[in-house]
Amino acid sequence: MEKQKMIKALNDALAQEHACQIRYLTHAAVITGPYAQAVAGRLKEIAEDEEKHAAQLRERITALGGTPTMEVARAELIFARTLKEILEVNLKEEEKAITLYRSLLRAAQEEGEILYETIEEILQDEQEHKEELERLRE
């Protein structure tokens, strides 16, 4: 993949990570119900993972000679209030993230080992988030 296209794709992923962090923190703040405290704690931890992903993406974008975006992917900011809604929204968003990072992983092979490993690590985290949200939904 051409370097400028890769930078744009990474910036798109970065904007999504910004939105994911906001969404998880907001959902953690508004959740109610018998399991609210435990689920809110986990949502906050996932938000921390999303911030870590954003930092990793910023480093890779800069290393490729690009400028990291400060934008937020607005499509990713879906508000929910109930536990069921929160889990459903975040599951859908994790599935989109997994699809995105799988495509980036294929493209990253051309850009070098460090970028590939970064994307692979983020993809593994996103898959773990999805699996955990699925377990919470049951």
Protein backbone atom coordinates (compact mmCIF):
# COMPACT_ATOMS: atom_id res chain seq x y z
CA MET A 1 0.00 0.00 0.00
CA GLU A 2 1.26 3.47 -0.83
CA LYS A 3 2.64 5.25 2.24
CA GLN A 4 0.15 8.15 2.08
CA LYS A 5 -2.77 5.71 1.81
CA MET A 6 -1.43 3.80 4.81
CA ILE A 7 -1.14 7.02 6.82
CA LYS A 8 -4.74 7.89 5.93
CA ALA A 9 -5.94 4.39 6.89
CA LEU A 10 -4.07 4.61 10.20
CA ASN A 11 -5.55 8.06 10.85
CA ASP A 12 -9.03 6.67 10.15
CA ALA A 13 -8.32 3.95 12.73
CA LEU A 14 -7.01 6.60 15.15
CA ALA A 15 -10.22 8.63 14.82
CA GLN A 16 -12.16 5.44 15.53
CA GLU A 17 -10.04 4.75 18.64
CA HIS A 18 -10.72 8.29 19.89
CA ALA A 19 -14.45 7.65 19.51
CA CYS A 20 -14.26 4.22 21.13
CA GLN A 21 -12.58 5.63 24.21
CA ILE A 22 -15.26 8.32 24.54
CA ARG A 23 -18.06 5.79 24.00
CA TYR A 24 -16.75 3.33 26.58
CA LEU A 25 -16.18 6.02 29.20
CA THR A 26 -19.63 7.51 28.63
CA HIS A 27 -21.31 4.11 28.81
CA ALA A 28 -19.40 3.36 32.02
CA ALA A 29 -20.73 6.59 33.51
CA VAL A 30 -24.39 6.04 32.66
CA ILE A 31 -24.87 2.29 33.15
CA THR A 32 -27.31 1.28 35.86
CA GLY A 33 -28.58 -1.98 37.27
CA PRO A 34 -27.45 -4.81 39.49
CA TYR A 35 -24.15 -5.40 37.68
CA ALA A 36 -23.49 -1.76 36.81
CA GLN A 37 -20.44 -1.25 38.99
CA ALA A 38 -18.63 -4.35 37.74
CA VAL A 39 -19.48 -3.72 34.09
CA ALA A 40 -18.60 -0.01 34.38
CA GLY A 41 -15.21 -0.97 35.76
CA ARG A 42 -14.54 -3.23 32.81
CA LEU A 43 -15.76 -0.62 30.32
CA LYS A 44 -13.28 1.85 31.83
CA GLU A 45 -10.49 -0.72 31.43
CA ILE A 46 -11.42 -1.23 27.78
CA ALA A 47 -11.38 2.56 27.34
CA GLU A 48 -7.80 2.51 28.65
CA ASP A 49 -6.95 -0.13 26.05
CA GLU A 50 -8.44 2.09 23.35
CA GLU A 51 -6.26 5.01 24.51
CA LYS A 52 -3.23 2.70 24.34
CA HIS A 53 -4.19 1.76 20.79
CA ALA A 54 -4.50 5.45 19.90
CA ALA A 55 -1.02 6.12 21.29
CA GLN A 56 0.40 3.20 19.29
CA LEU A 57 -1.25 4.47 16.11
CA ARG A 58 0.07 7.99 16.70
CA GLU A 59 3.60 6.61 16.98
CA ARG A 60 3.30 4.58 13.77
CA ILE A 61 1.73 7.48 11.84
CA THR A 62 4.56 9.77 12.95
CA ALA A 63 7.17 7.13 12.08
CA LEU A 64 5.74 6.97 8.55
CA GLY A 65 6.10 10.75 8.24
CA GLY A 66 2.44 11.59 8.79
CA THR A 67 0.58 13.79 11.24
CA PRO A 68 -1.76 12.01 13.67
CA THR A 69 -5.36 13.15 13.49
CA MET A 70 -7.18 14.71 16.41
CA GLU A 71 -10.56 13.94 14.86
CA VAL A 72 -13.18 11.66 16.33
CA ALA A 73 -15.10 9.21 14.13
CA ARG A 74 -18.61 10.49 14.82
CA ALA A 75 -20.27 7.36 13.42
CA GLU A 76 -18.73 5.45 16.34
CA LEU A 77 -20.40 7.63 18.99
CA ILE A 78 -23.62 5.74 19.64
CA PHE A 79 -25.22 6.50 22.98
CA ALA A 80 -26.80 3.69 24.99
CA ARG A 81 -28.03 3.53 28.58
CA THR A 82 -29.15 0.02 29.48
CA LEU A 83 -26.74 -2.85 29.94
CA LYS A 84 -28.25 -4.68 26.97
CA GLU A 85 -27.98 -1.63 24.70
CA ILE A 86 -24.44 -0.85 25.85
CA LEU A 87 -23.27 -4.39 25.18
CA GLU A 88 -24.95 -4.52 21.77
CA VAL A 89 -23.54 -1.16 20.63
CA ASN A 90 -20.04 -2.01 21.76
CA LEU A 91 -20.16 -5.50 20.26
CA LYS A 92 -21.07 -4.04 16.88
CA GLU A 93 -18.29 -1.47 17.15
CA GLU A 94 -15.73 -4.12 18.15
CA GLU A 95 -16.76 -6.19 15.12
CA LYS A 96 -16.18 -3.16 12.89
CA ALA A 97 -12.80 -2.56 14.53
CA ILE A 98 -11.79 -6.19 13.97
CA THR A 99 -12.67 -5.91 10.29
CA LEU A 100 -10.72 -2.66 10.01
CA TYR A 101 -7.61 -4.03 11.72
CA ARG A 102 -7.67 -7.22 9.67
CA SER A 103 -7.54 -5.14 6.49
CA LEU A 104 -4.80 -2.95 7.97
CA LEU A 105 -2.86 -6.05 8.94
CA ARG A 106 -2.81 -7.25 5.35
CA ALA A 107 -1.66 -3.83 4.14
CA ALA A 108 0.91 -3.46 6.94
CA GLN A 109 2.91 -6.43 5.67
CA GLU A 110 4.34 -4.14 2.99
CA GLU A 111 5.29 -1.39 5.46
CA GLY A 112 7.50 -3.39 7.77
CA GLU A 113 7.60 -5.56 10.83
CA ILE A 114 7.04 -2.88 13.50
CA LEU A 115 3.79 -1.64 11.93
CA TYR A 116 2.61 -5.21 11.37
CA GLU A 117 3.26 -6.15 15.00
CA THR A 118 1.49 -3.01 16.25
CA ILE A 119 -1.62 -3.74 14.19
CA GLU A 120 -1.53 -7.40 15.18
CA GLU A 121 -1.41 -6.47 18.88
CA ILE A 122 -4.32 -4.05 18.54
CA LEU A 123 -6.32 -6.66 16.62
CA GLN A 124 -5.77 -9.21 19.40
CA ASP A 125 -7.02 -6.71 21.99
CA GLU A 126 -10.12 -5.93 19.92
CA GLN A 127 -10.89 -9.64 19.56
CA GLU A 128 -10.54 -10.08 23.35
CA HIS A 129 -12.89 -7.13 23.91
CA LYS A 130 -15.48 -8.69 21.61
CA GLU A 131 -15.25 -12.07 23.34
CA GLU A 132 -15.60 -10.47 26.76
CA LEU A 133 -18.60 -8.38 25.72
CA GLU A 134 -20.23 -11.52 24.31
CA ARG A 135 -19.74 -13.28 27.66
CA LEU A 136 -21.23 -10.32 29.53
CA ARG A 137 -24.24 -10.37 27.21
CA GLU A 138 -25.07 -13.99 28.07
